[in-house]
Amino acid sequence: SNLAANCWSRLHPGNMFNSYDTKFHHSKALTSPYPGSHIERSHVPEDKVGWLTEWKDYNPVEYTAKSVLAGPSWADPQINDEGFSPKFNERDGEVERKSLNGLYVVENGRPRNPAGRTGLTGRGLLGRWGPNHAADPVVTRWKRDRSGNKVAHPVTGKNILQFVAIKRRDCGEWAIPGGMVDPGEKITATLKREFEEEALNSLQKSPEEKAKLEKQLHKLFSQEHFVVYRGYVDDPRNTDNAWMETEAVNYHDETGETMDNLPLEAGDDAGMVKWVDISEKLELYASHSYFIKLVTEKRGAHWSEDPGSEC
């Protein structure tokens, strides 16, 4: 909605990455210590985040995690490694190096974070130089009482929406059960696969159980859906040279019949999984609270008890 877009642009004025707009600042991408480490980012004042603001003394810390440098299949080599010549801003073999936000600058062979400085160079925990593409399936249903009637919020009178949330193992925060797009994988396949792995523990299921899950989920994931957001994510793992982008998609089970028959079970990167009532009080990982808010607006569901808190 325009309202949501306006709210977002006021909170994060450079979300559309207008190259003339230096007011944008990320917050989670500036936090220290860097996730999974004791590394402190160099401090970036709010007025120095934008690349168009000259800062000759900018001296970011260089850090790429050992798990990335070990060369797993999901990670690029180092920029100067022999035989590695990535094609930035385009499809590079099976790897998608295009950004959902348009062209990004490549400086000294390294891509530059379109949202500005982060106080850290290298890749941190991210495998790809430049954009690292993820998919976030927002699976929702209406909260219902024991008689099967929708439950309305006592103050706003709007029906309460629920979504499937996981508790991330890496940081303990609640989140949408998403994950990385594999090379050559279609985004629709990633959305379904990640939901199965993280919220239904499909990796530990027998072939028969998995086939049954697939059949039940097919109806939900093949119906009409709503693309909530596509683009840059203010993620604590972001660096000056590597950043997260996502496509968040809402799959809504209007009657509740599909999801009621699916037993939620945490798997893969999830420590816990459950249905969570949606409201503005939710504190979620990265930009996930914003995605959830957009879904409630689209569905006309309850969000805030304060009518003046649309932003």
Foldseek 3Di string as FASTA:
>chain_A
DVLLVVVVCVVAVCQLLPLVDLQGDFDLLQDPDQFPDNRHFDDDDNSQFRPVDDDPPQDAAEDADPVQQVPDPQADHPQPDPPDDADACQCGQLDGRNFPSGDFDADPSFTFDSRGARRYDDQHHHRYFHEFEKEFEWEKEWDADPVQHFDADPQPRFTWMKTKWFQFPRPRFIFGQMGTADRNHDNLVRHVVSCCCFWQVLVPDDPVVNVVLCVLCVVQSVDDKAFQDWGFWSANSDHRTYGYTYTYIYRYDYSCVSVVPGDTDGHDRGPDIDIDTAEQPGDGHTCRNSSVLSVCVVVVGYYYSDPPPSD
